[in-house]
Protein backbone atom coordinates (compact mmCIF):
# COMPACT_ATOMS: atom_id res chain seq x y z
CA MET A 1 19.11 9.60 135.07
CA PHE A 2 22.48 10.88 136.22
CA THR A 3 23.53 10.37 139.85
CA GLY A 4 26.81 10.14 141.71
CA GLU A 5 29.97 12.09 142.39
CA TYR A 6 33.31 11.42 140.69
CA ARG A 7 36.71 13.04 141.03
CA HIS A 8 38.74 13.65 137.87
CA THR A 9 41.48 15.89 136.56
CA VAL A 10 41.67 18.30 133.66
CA ASP A 11 44.77 17.54 131.61
CA ALA A 12 47.25 20.06 130.18
CA LYS A 13 45.23 20.20 126.93
CA LYS A 14 42.07 21.22 128.84
CA ARG A 15 40.41 17.82 128.38
CA LEU A 16 38.17 16.26 131.00
CA ALA A 17 37.31 12.56 131.04
CA ILE A 18 33.60 12.07 131.64
CA PRO A 19 32.87 8.97 133.74
CA ALA A 20 31.98 5.97 131.58
CA LYS A 21 28.77 5.54 133.57
CA PHE A 22 27.50 8.82 132.11
CA ARG A 23 28.77 8.59 128.54
CA ALA A 24 26.22 6.03 127.37
CA ASP A 25 23.36 8.40 128.20
CA LEU A 26 25.09 11.42 126.70
CA GLY A 27 25.82 9.91 123.29
CA LYS A 28 28.70 11.03 121.05
CA LYS A 29 28.16 14.74 121.67
CA ALA A 30 26.99 16.86 124.57
CA VAL A 31 26.42 20.53 125.36
CA VAL A 32 28.40 22.27 128.10
CA THR A 33 27.40 25.69 129.39
CA ARG A 34 27.59 28.01 132.37
CA GLY A 35 25.75 26.54 135.30
CA LEU A 36 24.53 28.00 138.55
CA ASP A 37 26.54 28.39 141.76
CA GLN A 38 29.85 28.57 139.83
CA CYS A 39 29.78 25.20 138.10
CA LEU A 40 29.34 24.01 134.53
CA PHE A 41 26.30 22.12 133.27
CA VAL A 42 26.66 19.27 130.78
CA PHE A 43 23.52 18.16 128.94
CA SER A 44 22.79 15.49 126.38
CA GLN A 45 21.74 17.04 123.09
CA GLU A 46 18.17 15.89 123.74
CA GLU A 47 17.99 17.48 127.20
CA TRP A 48 19.67 20.63 125.92
CA ALA A 49 17.05 20.96 123.17
CA LYS A 50 14.28 20.74 125.80
CA LEU A 51 15.92 23.40 127.98
CA ALA A 52 16.70 25.69 125.04
CA GLU A 53 13.06 25.50 123.96
CA LYS A 54 11.93 26.55 127.44
CA LEU A 55 14.49 29.34 127.54
CA GLY A 56 13.37 30.53 124.12
CA SER A 57 9.80 30.83 125.34
CA LEU A 58 10.69 33.21 128.17
CA PRO A 59 9.44 36.78 127.62
CA PHE A 60 12.25 38.75 126.02
CA SER A 61 10.55 41.95 127.15
CA GLN A 62 11.62 41.18 130.75
CA SER A 63 15.18 42.14 131.63
CA ASP A 64 15.81 39.21 134.01
CA ALA A 65 14.59 36.71 131.45
CA ARG A 66 16.79 38.23 128.72
CA SER A 67 19.83 38.15 130.98
CA PHE A 68 19.33 34.55 132.03
CA VAL A 69 18.73 33.38 128.45
CA ARG A 70 21.81 35.24 127.24
CA ILE A 71 24.05 33.75 129.90
CA MET A 72 22.81 30.19 129.36
CA LEU A 73 22.69 30.19 125.57
CA SER A 74 25.70 32.33 124.76
CA GLY A 75 27.86 30.21 127.02
CA ALA A 76 26.80 26.91 125.47
CA MET A 77 29.18 24.88 123.37
CA GLU A 78 28.66 21.53 121.71
CA VAL A 79 31.46 19.13 122.59
CA GLU A 80 32.39 15.74 121.17
CA PHE A 81 33.81 12.85 123.11
CA ASP A 82 37.16 11.56 121.94
CA ARG A 83 37.90 7.82 121.89
CA LEU A 84 38.87 7.99 125.58
CA GLY A 85 35.63 9.71 126.62
CA ARG A 86 37.15 13.15 127.10
CA ILE A 87 35.68 16.54 126.25
CA LEU A 88 37.49 19.81 125.71
CA LEU A 89 36.59 22.54 128.19
CA PRO A 90 36.76 25.98 126.56
CA ASP A 91 38.82 28.61 128.38
CA TYR A 92 35.86 30.93 128.98
CA LEU A 93 33.92 28.14 130.72
CA LYS A 94 36.91 27.05 132.78
CA ALA A 95 37.36 30.66 133.88
CA TYR A 96 33.66 31.07 134.71
CA ALA A 97 33.71 28.04 137.02
CA ALA A 98 37.27 28.71 138.29
CA ILE A 99 38.17 25.18 137.26
CA GLY A 100 41.70 24.12 138.05
CA ARG A 101 43.26 20.72 137.63
CA SER A 102 41.11 18.76 140.11
CA VAL A 103 37.38 18.62 139.43
CA VAL A 104 34.29 16.83 140.63
CA VAL A 105 31.72 15.60 138.12
CA THR A 106 28.29 15.12 139.68
CA GLY A 107 25.18 13.53 138.24
CA VAL A 108 22.11 15.67 138.91
CA PHE A 109 19.08 13.96 137.35
CA ASN A 110 19.04 15.23 133.74
CA ARG A 111 22.49 16.86 133.66
CA LEU A 112 26.04 16.63 134.87
CA GLU A 113 27.71 19.37 136.83
CA VAL A 114 31.45 20.02 136.66
CA TRP A 115 32.91 21.74 139.72
CA ASP A 116 36.36 22.83 140.75
CA GLU A 117 37.14 20.41 143.58
CA GLN A 118 37.66 23.10 146.23
CA ILE A 119 34.54 25.05 145.26
CA TRP A 120 32.49 21.83 145.31
CA GLY A 121 33.86 20.95 148.74
CA ALA A 122 32.85 24.31 150.20
CA TYR A 123 29.44 24.25 148.52
CA LYS A 124 28.73 20.68 149.62
CA GLU A 125 29.82 21.32 153.21
CA LYS A 126 27.47 24.31 153.48
CA ALA A 127 24.56 22.43 151.88
CA GLU A 128 25.08 19.38 154.10
CA LYS A 129 24.96 21.55 157.23
CA ASN A 130 21.62 22.97 156.09
CA VAL A 131 20.07 19.82 154.63
CA GLY A 132 17.37 19.66 157.32
CA ASP A 133 16.29 23.23 156.71
CA LEU A 134 16.38 22.67 152.94
CA ALA A 135 14.18 19.57 153.27
CA GLU A 136 11.70 21.48 155.37
CA LYS A 137 11.49 24.32 152.85
CA LEU A 138 11.08 21.89 149.95
CA GLY A 139 8.33 20.05 151.83
CA GLY A 140 5.97 22.78 150.71
CA LEU A 141 6.73 21.83 147.11
CA GLY A 142 5.66 18.23 147.66
CA ILE A 143 9.17 16.82 148.09
C-alpha cells in the first residue's frame, strides 16, 4: 500500500526520481497515465492490469465510458526505472498535469500520484478546508 507525500524535482532530461519507499512495490517497470484533478497516476504493472481489465469491461456503447477509457488508456505509457530509481515523464503527460520542475509524489493506496507542486498545494489546501464535509458525505459509503 502506498502512503505519504514526497517533494522531488524533474531534471532537465524530464526524469523524476520515485521515492525508494515506493520502488520496491512497483518493481522494475510501472505504468504512468493521465490522472484525475490534473495529476498523473503511476501504477505497478499488476495494478494497471486490474484497472485496464475493469476499463475494458465498460460499455463502449456509452459515450462517457468510451471517453474515459480513451483518456486513461491512450495516455498510458510503460516506464522503466533507471539505476537511480528515475522514470522518464513523456512531454504529453507533463503538459497534461502542467508539471514544472518541482513536483509532489503522493502515495494513494494502490497508486502514486505525481502533481506539480503549486497545483498540489492549491488542491490540498481546498480539500483540507472541506475535510469535515467530505468525511460526512463519505459516511454514507461506510467510511
